[in-house]
Amino acid sequence: METMGPSKQKDSYLAQEIADKFSISKKTLFQWEKDGKISKVPKDWRGWRRYNKMHLWQVSQIIKNKKRGAG
């Protein structure tokens, strides 16, 4: 089994990967993009969104702020 070292880190992620990572729905993710909470996400040749590390950070900040406001 191959492990992902620093040189093999992913530079793009699919919507389902982001949704799974943050325990949110793809619908929520798409809504945040529509609302401008997440920067415009480029799409690949199939029309699938390809998120990058900046998008990961933006999603984490949204979630962190929601948790902070809920407490």
C-alpha atoms as a PDB file:
ATOM      1  CA  MET A   1       0.000   0.000   0.000  1.00  0.00           C
ATOM      2  CA  GLU A   2       1.316   3.413  -0.991  1.00  0.00           C
ATOM      3  CA  THR A   3       1.166   6.337   1.439  1.00  0.00           C
ATOM      4  CA  MET A   4       0.822   9.963   0.440  1.00  0.00           C
ATOM      5  CA  GLY A   5       3.987  11.797   1.386  1.00  0.00           C
ATOM      6  CA  PRO A   6       4.551  15.528   1.076  1.00  0.00           C
ATOM      7  CA  SER A   7       5.420  15.224  -2.606  1.00  0.00           C
ATOM      8  CA  LYS A   8       2.201  13.314  -3.337  1.00  0.00           C
ATOM      9  CA  GLN A   9      -0.289  15.638  -1.657  1.00  0.00           C
ATOM     10  CA  LYS A  10      -3.359  16.327  -3.720  1.00  0.00           C
ATOM     11  CA  ASP A  11      -3.746  19.749  -5.245  1.00  0.00           C
ATOM     12  CA  SER A  12      -7.424  19.408  -6.132  1.00  0.00           C
ATOM     13  CA  TYR A  13     -10.438  17.757  -4.566  1.00  0.00           C
ATOM     14  CA  LEU A  14     -13.898  16.757  -5.735  1.00  0.00           C
ATOM     15  CA  ALA A  15     -17.021  18.095  -4.025  1.00  0.00           C
ATOM     16  CA  GLN A  16     -17.757  14.736  -2.388  1.00  0.00           C
ATOM     17  CA  GLU A  17     -14.247  14.617  -0.922  1.00  0.00           C
ATOM     18  CA  ILE A  18     -14.725  18.066   0.629  1.00  0.00           C
ATOM     19  CA  ALA A  19     -18.212  17.168   1.883  1.00  0.00           C
ATOM     20  CA  ASP A  20     -16.919  13.971   3.473  1.00  0.00           C
ATOM     21  CA  LYS A  21     -13.888  15.680   5.010  1.00  0.00           C
ATOM     22  CA  PHE A  22     -16.010  18.340   6.739  1.00  0.00           C
ATOM     23  CA  SER A  23     -19.166  16.244   7.349  1.00  0.00           C
ATOM     24  CA  ILE A  24     -21.363  18.543   5.275  1.00  0.00           C
ATOM     25  CA  SER A  25     -23.533  17.883   2.254  1.00  0.00           C
ATOM     26  CA  LYS A  26     -22.562  18.714  -1.296  1.00  0.00           C
ATOM     27  CA  LYS A  27     -25.706  20.853  -1.393  1.00  0.00           C
ATOM     28  CA  THR A  28     -24.350  22.963   1.492  1.00  0.00           C
ATOM     29  CA  LEU A  29     -21.002  23.266  -0.230  1.00  0.00           C
ATOM     30  CA  PHE A  30     -22.622  24.415  -3.483  1.00  0.00           C
ATOM     31  CA  GLN A  31     -24.824  26.880  -1.586  1.00  0.00           C
ATOM     32  CA  TRP A  32     -21.794  28.434   0.115  1.00  0.00           C
ATOM     33  CA  GLU A  33     -20.210  28.873  -3.300  1.00  0.00           C
ATOM     34  CA  LYS A  34     -23.413  30.439  -4.665  1.00  0.00           C
ATOM     35  CA  ASP A  35     -23.608  32.778  -1.645  1.00  0.00           C
ATOM     36  CA  GLY A  36     -20.006  33.907  -2.209  1.00  0.00           C
ATOM     37  CA  LYS A  37     -18.708  32.401   1.039  1.00  0.00           C
ATOM     38  CA  ILE A  38     -16.329  30.249  -1.033  1.00  0.00           C
ATOM     39  CA  SER A  39     -14.352  31.580  -3.981  1.00  0.00           C
ATOM     40  CA  LYS A  40     -15.455  30.545  -7.457  1.00  0.00           C
ATOM     41  CA  VAL A  41     -14.474  26.941  -8.010  1.00  0.00           C
ATOM     42  CA  PRO A  42     -12.938  25.989 -11.372  1.00  0.00           C
ATOM     43  CA  LYS A  43     -14.378  23.019 -13.219  1.00  0.00           C
ATOM     44  CA  ASP A  44     -12.628  20.281 -15.150  1.00  0.00           C
ATOM     45  CA  TRP A  45     -13.390  19.147 -18.688  1.00  0.00           C
ATOM     46  CA  ARG A  46     -16.407  17.181 -17.402  1.00  0.00           C
ATOM     47  CA  GLY A  47     -17.862  20.183 -15.612  1.00  0.00           C
ATOM     48  CA  TRP A  48     -16.995  18.810 -12.171  1.00  0.00           C
ATOM     49  CA  ARG A  49     -15.869  21.304  -9.550  1.00  0.00           C
ATOM     50  CA  ARG A  50     -12.207  21.008  -8.560  1.00  0.00           C
ATOM     51  CA  TYR A  51     -11.521  22.500  -5.128  1.00  0.00           C
ATOM     52  CA  ASN A  52      -8.024  23.508  -4.022  1.00  0.00           C
ATOM     53  CA  LYS A  53      -6.293  24.177  -0.698  1.00  0.00           C
ATOM     54  CA  MET A  54      -7.660  27.724  -0.570  1.00  0.00           C
ATOM     55  CA  HIS A  55     -11.199  26.345  -0.801  1.00  0.00           C
ATOM     56  CA  LEU A  56     -10.408  23.850   1.981  1.00  0.00           C
ATOM     57  CA  TRP A  57      -9.281  26.741   4.165  1.00  0.00           C
ATOM     58  CA  GLN A  58     -12.408  28.778   3.334  1.00  0.00           C
ATOM     59  CA  VAL A  59     -14.706  25.877   4.234  1.00  0.00           C
ATOM     60  CA  SER A  60     -12.824  25.299   7.493  1.00  0.00           C
ATOM     61  CA  GLN A  61     -13.217  28.996   8.381  1.00  0.00           C
ATOM     62  CA  ILE A  62     -16.974  28.938   7.691  1.00  0.00           C
ATOM     63  CA  ILE A  63     -17.360  25.900   9.937  1.00  0.00           C
ATOM     64  CA  LYS A  64     -15.120  27.374  12.642  1.00  0.00           C
ATOM     65  CA  ASN A  65     -17.137  30.616  12.629  1.00  0.00           C
ATOM     66  CA  LYS A  66     -20.435  28.710  12.812  1.00  0.00           C
ATOM     67  CA  LYS A  67     -19.191  26.736  15.827  1.00  0.00           C
ATOM     68  CA  ARG A  68     -17.932  29.901  17.491  1.00  0.00           C
ATOM     69  CA  GLY A  69     -21.303  31.606  16.974  1.00  0.00           C
ATOM     70  CA  ALA A  70     -23.260  28.599  18.230  1.00  0.00           C
ATOM     71  CA  GLY A  71     -21.522  28.564  21.606  1.00  0.00           C
END
